Amino acid sequence: MSFAGAWRMVAAVPALLFAGCGYHVAGKANLLPADIHTIAVAPWGNASVRYKLSNYLAASVSRELIARTRYRLVSDPSKADVVLYGSIANMLQGGSPLYDNATGRTTAGNVVVYLQFKLVDHSGKTLLDKPGLVYQQPYEISTDPRQYFDESDAAFQRLSTDVAKSVVSAMLEQF
């Protein structure tokens, strides 16, 4: 056997070992039950004072489902194989312990959202239930009142994207 032939054999052994290990690229798995083809994302409930937050969450979850799964989104829950229900239980917003020494003003804020979601099939059976989740997102606050810009809305949008990734991952990895 030549050196080149021996080298090919050495390279082939690890490839054969890893071929049957079940390795797959994260986020591309198709692990929900096989009879699920359509998903509806119901409007999120919202017990917080930020009415836009529930809209951001529903839209972000829908975008994430389209990007990461093969399922078709439908707007009518009665025509879906499964429905994703979510709700915001509470939202806290406030300053952080970061201050500007010169002015004594807070330089950062933090949004904390308490939420829950569940995935229910067309027969009413709960496939996935995640109560009591907590997400947070920091944001900056300008110390100069003349240059103040409310960054909290952008923080809500970033938080919604993080929540959406987590929700879709939980759906895919649960099964």
N, C-alpha and C. Protein backbone atom coordinates (compact mmCIF):
# COMPACT_ATOMS: atom_id res chain seq x y z
N MET A 1 0.85 -1.17 0.00
CA MET A 1 0.00 0.00 0.00
C MET A 1 0.90 1.23 0.00
N SER A 2 0.55 2.20 -0.83
CA SER A 2 1.34 3.42 -0.93
C SER A 2 1.03 4.35 0.24
N PHE A 3 1.87 5.36 0.37
CA PHE A 3 1.67 6.35 1.43
C PHE A 3 0.34 7.08 1.24
N ALA A 4 0.01 7.44 -0.01
CA ALA A 4 -1.24 8.14 -0.30
C ALA A 4 -2.44 7.26 0.04
N GLY A 5 -2.37 5.98 -0.26
CA GLY A 5 -3.46 5.06 0.05
C GLY A 5 -3.65 4.91 1.55
N ALA A 6 -2.54 4.81 2.28
CA ALA A 6 -2.62 4.71 3.74
C ALA A 6 -3.22 5.98 4.34
N TRP A 7 -2.84 7.11 3.80
CA TRP A 7 -3.35 8.39 4.30
C TRP A 7 -4.87 8.48 4.09
N ARG A 8 -5.36 8.02 2.92
CA ARG A 8 -6.81 8.02 2.65
C ARG A 8 -7.54 7.12 3.65
N MET A 9 -6.93 6.01 3.98
CA MET A 9 -7.56 5.07 4.91
C MET A 9 -7.64 5.68 6.31
N VAL A 10 -6.58 6.36 6.73
CA VAL A 10 -6.56 7.01 8.04
C VAL A 10 -7.61 8.13 8.08
N ALA A 11 -7.78 8.85 7.00
CA ALA A 11 -8.76 9.94 6.96
C ALA A 11 -10.19 9.40 6.90
N ALA A 12 -10.37 8.22 6.32
CA ALA A 12 -11.71 7.66 6.16
C ALA A 12 -12.27 7.10 7.47
N VAL A 13 -11.41 6.61 8.37
CA VAL A 13 -11.88 6.00 9.61
C VAL A 13 -12.68 6.98 10.47
N PRO A 14 -12.18 8.20 10.76
CA PRO A 14 -13.01 9.13 11.55
C PRO A 14 -14.31 9.52 10.84
N ALA A 15 -14.25 9.65 9.53
CA ALA A 15 -15.47 9.99 8.79
C ALA A 15 -16.53 8.91 8.95
N LEU A 16 -16.12 7.67 8.91
CA LEU A 16 -17.06 6.56 9.09
C LEU A 16 -17.60 6.52 10.52
N LEU A 17 -16.74 6.81 11.48
CA LEU A 17 -17.18 6.80 12.87
C LEU A 17 -18.23 7.87 13.15
N PHE A 18 -18.01 9.07 12.57
CA PHE A 18 -18.93 10.17 12.83
C PHE A 18 -20.19 10.11 11.97
N ALA A 19 -20.19 9.30 10.91
CA ALA A 19 -21.34 9.24 10.01
C ALA A 19 -22.59 8.73 10.72
N GLY A 20 -22.45 7.84 11.67
CA GLY A 20 -23.62 7.28 12.34
C GLY A 20 -23.86 7.81 13.72
N CYS A 21 -23.24 8.91 14.11
CA CYS A 21 -23.36 9.38 15.49
C CYS A 21 -24.61 10.19 15.75
N GLY A 22 -25.38 10.55 14.71
CA GLY A 22 -26.60 11.33 14.92
C GLY A 22 -26.35 12.82 14.96
N TYR A 23 -25.17 13.27 14.63
CA TYR A 23 -24.85 14.69 14.64
C TYR A 23 -25.66 15.41 13.56
N HIS A 24 -26.20 16.58 13.91
CA HIS A 24 -26.88 17.42 12.94
C HIS A 24 -26.67 18.87 13.31
N VAL A 25 -26.88 19.75 12.36
CA VAL A 25 -26.71 21.18 12.58
C VAL A 25 -27.84 21.68 13.47
N ALA A 26 -27.50 22.40 14.52
CA ALA A 26 -28.51 22.91 15.46
C ALA A 26 -29.46 23.86 14.75
N GLY A 27 -30.74 23.81 15.14
CA GLY A 27 -31.73 24.72 14.60
C GLY A 27 -32.37 24.25 13.31
N LYS A 28 -31.89 23.18 12.73
CA LYS A 28 -32.44 22.69 11.47
C LYS A 28 -33.19 21.37 11.67
N ALA A 29 -33.31 20.93 12.88
CA ALA A 29 -33.99 19.67 13.15
C ALA A 29 -35.49 19.83 12.90
N ASN A 30 -36.12 18.74 12.59
CA ASN A 30 -37.53 18.72 12.31
C ASN A 30 -38.17 17.75 13.29
N LEU A 31 -38.28 18.15 14.55
CA LEU A 31 -38.59 17.20 15.59
C LEU A 31 -40.02 17.25 16.13
N LEU A 32 -40.84 18.14 15.65
CA LEU A 32 -42.24 18.13 16.06
C LEU A 32 -42.90 16.89 15.46
N PRO A 33 -44.02 16.45 16.02
CA PRO A 33 -44.69 15.27 15.46
C PRO A 33 -44.92 15.41 13.95
N ALA A 34 -44.85 14.29 13.25
CA ALA A 34 -44.89 14.28 11.78
C ALA A 34 -46.21 14.81 11.22
N ASP A 35 -47.29 14.75 11.98
CA ASP A 35 -48.58 15.19 11.44
C ASP A 35 -48.79 16.70 11.55
N ILE A 36 -47.80 17.43 12.01
CA ILE A 36 -47.90 18.89 12.11
C ILE A 36 -47.33 19.53 10.84
N HIS A 37 -48.17 20.32 10.18
CA HIS A 37 -47.75 21.00 8.96
C HIS A 37 -47.99 22.51 9.03
N THR A 38 -48.97 22.91 9.86
CA THR A 38 -49.30 24.32 9.96
C THR A 38 -49.30 24.77 11.42
N ILE A 39 -48.89 26.00 11.62
CA ILE A 39 -48.82 26.59 12.96
C ILE A 39 -49.47 27.97 12.91
N ALA A 40 -50.28 28.27 13.90
CA ALA A 40 -50.84 29.61 14.06
C ALA A 40 -50.21 30.22 15.31
N VAL A 41 -49.83 31.47 15.20
CA VAL A 41 -49.33 32.21 16.36
C VAL A 41 -50.46 33.14 16.80
N ALA A 42 -51.08 32.79 17.90
CA ALA A 42 -52.20 33.60 18.41
C ALA A 42 -51.66 34.94 18.94
N PRO A 43 -52.49 35.98 18.91
CA PRO A 43 -52.05 37.24 19.51
C PRO A 43 -51.66 37.02 20.97
N TRP A 44 -50.56 37.61 21.37
CA TRP A 44 -50.07 37.42 22.74
C TRP A 44 -50.89 38.24 23.71
N GLY A 45 -51.22 37.65 24.85
CA GLY A 45 -51.86 38.39 25.93
C GLY A 45 -50.84 39.32 26.57
N ASN A 46 -51.32 40.38 27.17
CA ASN A 46 -50.39 41.36 27.72
C ASN A 46 -50.98 42.02 28.96
N ALA A 47 -50.40 41.70 30.12
CA ALA A 47 -50.83 42.33 31.37
C ALA A 47 -49.91 43.49 31.74
N SER A 48 -49.01 43.87 30.85
CA SER A 48 -48.08 44.97 31.15
C SER A 48 -48.64 46.29 30.61
N VAL A 49 -47.96 47.37 30.92
CA VAL A 49 -48.38 48.68 30.45
C VAL A 49 -47.85 48.99 29.06
N ARG A 50 -46.95 48.18 28.53
CA ARG A 50 -46.38 48.39 27.19
C ARG A 50 -47.19 47.58 26.17
N TYR A 51 -48.18 48.20 25.57
CA TYR A 51 -49.07 47.49 24.67
C TYR A 51 -48.36 46.97 23.42
N LYS A 52 -47.31 47.65 22.96
CA LYS A 52 -46.60 47.23 21.74
C LYS A 52 -45.80 45.95 21.94
N LEU A 53 -45.43 45.65 23.16
CA LEU A 53 -44.57 44.51 23.43
C LEU A 53 -45.19 43.19 22.95
N SER A 54 -46.47 43.01 23.17
CA SER A 54 -47.11 41.76 22.71
C SER A 54 -47.11 41.67 21.19
N ASN A 55 -47.25 42.79 20.51
CA ASN A 55 -47.18 42.79 19.04
C ASN A 55 -45.78 42.43 18.56
N TYR A 56 -44.76 43.01 19.20
CA TYR A 56 -43.38 42.69 18.85
C TYR A 56 -43.11 41.19 19.02
N LEU A 57 -43.59 40.63 20.13
CA LEU A 57 -43.34 39.21 20.41
C LEU A 57 -43.99 38.30 19.37
N ALA A 58 -45.26 38.54 19.07
CA ALA A 58 -45.95 37.71 18.07
C ALA A 58 -45.27 37.81 16.71
N ALA A 59 -44.89 39.01 16.30
CA ALA A 59 -44.24 39.19 15.00
C ALA A 59 -42.87 38.52 14.98
N SER A 60 -42.10 38.66 16.05
CA SER A 60 -40.76 38.06 16.10
C SER A 60 -40.83 36.54 16.09
N VAL A 61 -41.78 35.97 16.82
CA VAL A 61 -41.93 34.51 16.84
C VAL A 61 -42.34 34.02 15.44
N SER A 62 -43.23 34.73 14.79
CA SER A 62 -43.64 34.35 13.43
C SER A 62 -42.46 34.37 12.47
N ARG A 63 -41.66 35.43 12.52
CA ARG A 63 -40.48 35.52 11.66
C ARG A 63 -39.50 34.39 11.93
N GLU A 64 -39.31 34.07 13.20
CA GLU A 64 -38.37 33.01 13.58
C GLU A 64 -38.88 31.64 13.10
N LEU A 65 -40.16 31.40 13.20
CA LEU A 65 -40.73 30.14 12.70
C LEU A 65 -40.54 30.01 11.20
N ILE A 66 -40.75 31.09 10.47
CA ILE A 66 -40.56 31.07 9.02
C ILE A 66 -39.10 30.81 8.68
N ALA A 67 -38.19 31.44 9.40
CA ALA A 67 -36.76 31.32 9.10
C ALA A 67 -36.19 29.95 9.46
N ARG A 68 -36.68 29.33 10.53
CA ARG A 68 -36.02 28.14 11.04
C ARG A 68 -36.78 26.83 10.87
N THR A 69 -38.01 26.88 10.39
CA THR A 69 -38.77 25.63 10.27
C THR A 69 -39.37 25.51 8.88
N ARG A 70 -39.91 24.36 8.61
CA ARG A 70 -40.57 24.11 7.32
C ARG A 70 -42.09 24.28 7.44
N TYR A 71 -42.60 24.63 8.61
CA TYR A 71 -44.03 24.71 8.84
C TYR A 71 -44.61 25.97 8.20
N ARG A 72 -45.85 25.82 7.75
CA ARG A 72 -46.55 26.94 7.15
C ARG A 72 -47.32 27.67 8.24
N LEU A 73 -47.19 28.98 8.30
CA LEU A 73 -47.94 29.77 9.27
C LEU A 73 -49.30 30.13 8.69
N VAL A 74 -50.32 29.97 9.51
CA VAL A 74 -51.67 30.36 9.12
C VAL A 74 -52.20 31.34 10.15
N SER A 75 -53.07 32.22 9.70
CA SER A 75 -53.57 33.24 10.62
C SER A 75 -54.78 32.77 11.43
N ASP A 76 -55.49 31.78 10.93
CA ASP A 76 -56.69 31.29 11.60
C ASP A 76 -56.34 30.08 12.48
N PRO A 77 -56.41 30.21 13.81
CA PRO A 77 -56.07 29.09 14.69
C PRO A 77 -56.92 27.85 14.45
N SER A 78 -58.15 28.01 13.97
CA SER A 78 -58.99 26.84 13.73
C SER A 78 -58.53 26.02 12.53
N LYS A 79 -57.68 26.59 11.69
CA LYS A 79 -57.17 25.88 10.51
C LYS A 79 -55.73 25.41 10.70
N ALA A 80 -55.20 25.53 11.91
CA ALA A 80 -53.82 25.14 12.18
C ALA A 80 -53.75 23.79 12.86
N ASP A 81 -52.67 23.07 12.60
CA ASP A 81 -52.43 21.80 13.31
C ASP A 81 -52.09 22.07 14.77
N VAL A 82 -51.33 23.13 15.03
CA VAL A 82 -51.00 23.55 16.39
C VAL A 82 -51.08 25.06 16.48
N VAL A 83 -51.37 25.53 17.69
CA VAL A 83 -51.44 26.97 17.94
C VAL A 83 -50.48 27.31 19.06
N LEU A 84 -49.70 28.36 18.85
CA LEU A 84 -48.80 28.86 19.88
C LEU A 84 -49.48 30.01 20.59
N TYR A 85 -49.71 29.84 21.89
CA TYR A 85 -50.30 30.89 22.72
C TYR A 85 -49.21 31.44 23.64
N GLY A 86 -49.16 32.74 23.76
CA GLY A 86 -48.19 33.35 24.66
C GLY A 86 -48.83 34.49 25.41
N SER A 87 -48.27 34.82 26.56
CA SER A 87 -48.77 35.98 27.30
C SER A 87 -47.67 36.57 28.16
N ILE A 88 -47.77 37.87 28.32
CA ILE A 88 -46.84 38.62 29.16
C ILE A 88 -47.52 38.79 30.51
N ALA A 89 -46.91 38.22 31.54
CA ALA A 89 -47.50 38.31 32.88
C ALA A 89 -47.15 39.62 33.56
N ASN A 90 -45.95 40.12 33.31
CA ASN A 90 -45.51 41.35 33.96
C ASN A 90 -44.31 41.91 33.21
N MET A 91 -44.07 43.20 33.36
CA MET A 91 -42.93 43.85 32.77
C MET A 91 -42.44 44.92 33.73
N LEU A 92 -41.16 44.90 34.00
CA LEU A 92 -40.55 45.92 34.86
C LEU A 92 -39.52 46.68 34.05
N GLN A 93 -39.47 47.97 34.26
CA GLN A 93 -38.52 48.80 33.55
C GLN A 93 -37.95 49.80 34.53
N GLY A 94 -36.65 49.93 34.51
CA GLY A 94 -36.05 50.89 35.42
C GLY A 94 -34.58 51.09 35.16
N GLY A 95 -34.00 51.94 35.97
CA GLY A 95 -32.59 52.23 35.85
C GLY A 95 -31.74 51.11 36.42
N SER A 96 -30.51 51.13 36.07
CA SER A 96 -29.57 50.14 36.59
C SER A 96 -28.61 50.85 37.53
N PRO A 97 -27.77 50.12 38.20
CA PRO A 97 -26.83 50.77 39.13
C PRO A 97 -25.64 51.45 38.43
N LEU A 98 -25.76 51.77 37.16
CA LEU A 98 -24.70 52.48 36.44
C LEU A 98 -25.03 53.96 36.40
N TYR A 99 -24.13 54.78 36.94
CA TYR A 99 -24.36 56.22 37.01
C TYR A 99 -23.18 56.96 36.42
N ASP A 100 -23.47 58.17 35.92
CA ASP A 100 -22.42 59.08 35.48
C ASP A 100 -21.96 59.84 36.72
N ASN A 101 -20.69 59.72 37.06
CA ASN A 101 -20.17 60.37 38.27
C ASN A 101 -20.28 61.88 38.22
N ALA A 102 -20.17 62.47 37.05
CA ALA A 102 -20.20 63.93 36.93
C ALA A 102 -21.61 64.47 37.16
N THR A 103 -22.63 63.82 36.62
CA THR A 103 -24.00 64.34 36.71
C THR A 103 -24.85 63.62 37.74
N GLY A 104 -24.45 62.41 38.12
CA GLY A 104 -25.24 61.61 39.04
C GLY A 104 -26.45 60.96 38.39
N ARG A 105 -26.57 61.07 37.07
CA ARG A 105 -27.69 60.49 36.35
C ARG A 105 -27.43 59.01 36.02
N THR A 106 -28.51 58.26 35.92
CA THR A 106 -28.42 56.87 35.50
C THR A 106 -28.03 56.82 34.04
N THR A 107 -27.12 55.92 33.67
CA THR A 107 -26.66 55.82 32.29
C THR A 107 -27.17 54.58 31.57
N ALA A 108 -27.89 53.74 32.27
CA ALA A 108 -28.42 52.53 31.64
C ALA A 108 -29.75 52.15 32.27
N GLY A 109 -30.58 51.55 31.47
CA GLY A 109 -31.86 51.04 31.95
C GLY A 109 -31.92 49.54 31.71
N ASN A 110 -32.94 48.93 32.24
CA ASN A 110 -33.09 47.49 32.07
C ASN A 110 -34.59 47.17 31.99
N VAL A 111 -34.94 46.33 31.04
CA VAL A 111 -36.30 45.86 30.88
C VAL A 111 -36.32 44.39 31.29
N VAL A 112 -37.24 44.03 32.16
CA VAL A 112 -37.41 42.64 32.58
C VAL A 112 -38.85 42.25 32.26
N VAL A 113 -39.00 41.14 31.52
CA VAL A 113 -40.32 40.68 31.11
C VAL A 113 -40.54 39.27 31.62
N TYR A 114 -41.70 39.06 32.22
CA TYR A 114 -42.12 37.74 32.71
C TYR A 114 -43.21 37.24 31.75
N LEU A 115 -42.97 36.09 31.16
CA LEU A 115 -43.93 35.60 30.19
C LEU A 115 -44.07 34.08 30.25
N GLN A 116 -45.01 33.61 29.48
CA GLN A 116 -45.26 32.18 29.39
C GLN A 116 -45.79 31.89 27.99
N PHE A 117 -45.60 30.64 27.54
CA PHE A 117 -46.18 30.24 26.28
C PHE A 117 -46.49 28.75 26.31
N LYS A 118 -47.39 28.36 25.42
CA LYS A 118 -47.69 26.93 25.28
C LYS A 118 -48.10 26.65 23.85
N LEU A 119 -47.85 25.41 23.45
CA LEU A 119 -48.17 24.92 22.12
C LEU A 119 -49.27 23.89 22.27
N VAL A 120 -50.40 24.13 21.61
CA VAL A 120 -51.58 23.28 21.76
C VAL A 120 -51.99 22.75 20.39
N ASP A 121 -52.26 21.44 20.31
CA ASP A 121 -52.68 20.89 19.03
C ASP A 121 -54.19 21.10 18.81
N HIS A 122 -54.67 20.74 17.62
CA HIS A 122 -56.07 21.01 17.25
C HIS A 122 -57.08 20.26 18.12
N SER A 123 -56.65 19.20 18.82
CA SER A 123 -57.58 18.48 19.70
C SER A 123 -57.61 19.08 21.11
N GLY A 124 -56.77 20.09 21.37
CA GLY A 124 -56.72 20.73 22.68
C GLY A 124 -55.63 20.18 23.59
N LYS A 125 -54.86 19.22 23.12
CA LYS A 125 -53.77 18.64 23.91
C LYS A 125 -52.58 19.61 23.93
N THR A 126 -52.06 19.88 25.12
CA THR A 126 -50.89 20.74 25.26
C THR A 126 -49.64 19.94 24.96
N LEU A 127 -48.92 20.36 23.92
CA LEU A 127 -47.69 19.68 23.52
C LEU A 127 -46.47 20.24 24.25
N LEU A 128 -46.54 21.51 24.60
CA LEU A 128 -45.41 22.17 25.25
C LEU A 128 -45.96 23.29 26.12
N ASP A 129 -45.50 23.37 27.36
CA ASP A 129 -45.96 24.40 28.28
C ASP A 129 -44.76 24.97 29.01
N LYS A 130 -44.50 26.25 28.83
CA LYS A 130 -43.37 26.93 29.47
C LYS A 130 -43.87 28.13 30.27
N PRO A 131 -44.24 27.92 31.53
CA PRO A 131 -44.68 29.04 32.37
C PRO A 131 -43.49 29.69 33.08
N GLY A 132 -43.67 30.89 33.52
CA GLY A 132 -42.69 31.53 34.40
C GLY A 132 -41.34 31.81 33.79
N LEU A 133 -41.28 32.22 32.53
CA LEU A 133 -40.00 32.56 31.89
C LEU A 133 -39.67 34.02 32.15
N VAL A 134 -38.39 34.31 32.29
CA VAL A 134 -37.95 35.69 32.55
C VAL A 134 -36.89 36.06 31.53
N TYR A 135 -37.07 37.20 30.89
CA TYR A 135 -36.10 37.72 29.92
C TYR A 135 -35.80 39.15 30.30
N GLN A 136 -34.57 39.57 30.03
CA GLN A 136 -34.23 40.97 30.30
C GLN A 136 -33.36 41.53 29.20
N GLN A 137 -33.40 42.84 29.06
CA GLN A 137 -32.64 43.52 28.01
C GLN A 137 -32.20 44.88 28.55
N PRO A 138 -30.89 45.13 28.59
CA PRO A 138 -30.40 46.44 29.01
C PRO A 138 -30.47 47.45 27.85
N TYR A 139 -30.46 48.71 28.20
CA TYR A 139 -30.41 49.77 27.19
C TYR A 139 -29.72 50.99 27.79
N GLU A 140 -29.21 51.85 26.92
CA GLU A 140 -28.48 53.04 27.37
C GLU A 140 -29.42 54.22 27.55
N ILE A 141 -29.04 55.11 28.47
CA ILE A 141 -29.77 56.35 28.71
C ILE A 141 -28.77 57.48 28.60
N SER A 142 -29.06 58.46 27.77
CA SER A 142 -28.15 59.60 27.59
C SER A 142 -28.11 60.43 28.87
N THR A 143 -26.92 60.87 29.24
CA THR A 143 -26.78 61.72 30.43
C THR A 143 -27.02 63.19 30.10
N ASP A 144 -27.02 63.52 28.83
CA ASP A 144 -27.26 64.90 28.40
C ASP A 144 -28.74 65.05 28.04
N PRO A 145 -29.50 65.82 28.81
CA PRO A 145 -30.94 65.95 28.53
C PRO A 145 -31.25 66.51 27.14
N ARG A 146 -30.33 67.26 26.57
CA ARG A 146 -30.56 67.83 25.23
C ARG A 146 -30.43 66.77 24.14
N GLN A 147 -29.73 65.69 24.42
CA GLN A 147 -29.53 64.62 23.44
C GLN A 147 -30.31 63.36 23.82
N TYR A 148 -31.27 63.49 24.70
CA TYR A 148 -32.00 62.32 25.18
C TYR A 148 -32.80 61.68 24.06
N PHE A 149 -32.68 60.38 23.98
CA PHE A 149 -33.47 59.57 23.05
C PHE A 149 -33.92 58.34 23.83
N ASP A 150 -35.22 58.08 23.81
CA ASP A 150 -35.75 56.93 24.55
C ASP A 150 -35.36 55.64 23.82
N GLU A 151 -34.43 54.93 24.38
CA GLU A 151 -33.89 53.70 23.80
C GLU A 151 -34.69 52.47 24.23
N SER A 152 -35.68 52.64 25.09
CA SER A 152 -36.39 51.48 25.63
C SER A 152 -37.18 50.73 24.56
N ASP A 153 -37.73 51.44 23.56
CA ASP A 153 -38.49 50.76 22.53
C ASP A 153 -37.59 49.82 21.71
N ALA A 154 -36.38 50.27 21.41
CA ALA A 154 -35.42 49.41 20.72
C ALA A 154 -35.04 48.21 21.59
N ALA A 155 -34.99 48.42 22.91
CA ALA A 155 -34.70 47.31 23.82
C ALA A 155 -35.82 46.29 23.78
N PHE A 156 -37.07 46.74 23.68
CA PHE A 156 -38.20 45.82 23.57
C PHE A 156 -38.12 45.00 22.28
N GLN A 157 -37.71 45.64 21.20
CA GLN A 157 -37.57 44.92 19.94
C GLN A 157 -36.45 43.88 20.02
N ARG A 158 -35.32 44.23 20.62
CA ARG A 158 -34.22 43.26 20.80
C ARG A 158 -34.65 42.12 21.71
N LEU A 159 -35.36 42.45 22.76
CA LEU A 159 -35.85 41.42 23.68
C LEU A 159 -36.80 40.47 22.95
N SER A 160 -37.67 41.00 22.09
CA SER A 160 -38.60 40.17 21.33
C SER A 160 -37.87 39.19 20.43
N THR A 161 -36.78 39.62 19.83
CA THR A 161 -35.99 38.73 18.98
C THR A 161 -35.36 37.62 19.81
N ASP A 162 -34.84 37.96 20.99
CA ASP A 162 -34.27 36.94 21.88
C ASP A 162 -35.33 35.93 22.33
N VAL A 163 -36.50 36.44 22.68
CA VAL A 163 -37.58 35.56 23.12
C VAL A 163 -37.99 34.63 21.98
N ALA A 164 -38.12 35.18 20.77
CA ALA A 164 -38.53 34.37 19.62
C ALA A 164 -37.57 33.23 19.36
N LYS A 165 -36.28 33.51 19.43
CA LYS A 165 -35.28 32.45 19.23
C LYS A 165 -35.43 31.36 20.29
N SER A 166 -35.65 31.77 21.51
CA SER A 166 -35.81 30.83 22.61
C SER A 166 -37.08 30.00 22.47
N VAL A 167 -38.18 30.64 22.08
CA VAL A 167 -39.46 29.93 21.93
C VAL A 167 -39.36 28.88 20.82
N VAL A 168 -38.83 29.26 19.67
CA VAL A 168 -38.73 28.31 18.56
C VAL A 168 -37.76 27.19 18.90
N SER A 169 -36.66 27.51 19.57
CA SER A 169 -35.73 26.46 19.99
C SER A 169 -36.41 25.49 20.94
N ALA A 170 -37.19 26.00 21.87
CA ALA A 170 -37.89 25.12 22.81
C ALA A 170 -38.88 24.23 22.08
N MET A 171 -39.55 24.77 21.07
CA MET A 171 -40.49 23.97 20.29
C MET A 171 -39.78 22.85 19.54
N LEU A 172 -38.66 23.16 18.93
CA LEU A 172 -37.94 22.19 18.12
C LEU A 172 -37.22 21.15 18.96
N GLU A 173 -36.72 21.56 20.11
CA GLU A 173 -35.90 20.66 20.92
C GLU A 173 -36.71 19.86 21.93
N GLN A 174 -37.98 20.22 22.12
CA GLN A 174 -38.82 19.52 23.09
C GLN A 174 -39.09 18.09 22.66
N PHE A 175 -39.16 17.86 21.36
CA PHE A 175 -39.60 16.55 20.86
C PHE A 175 -38.44 15.67 20.46
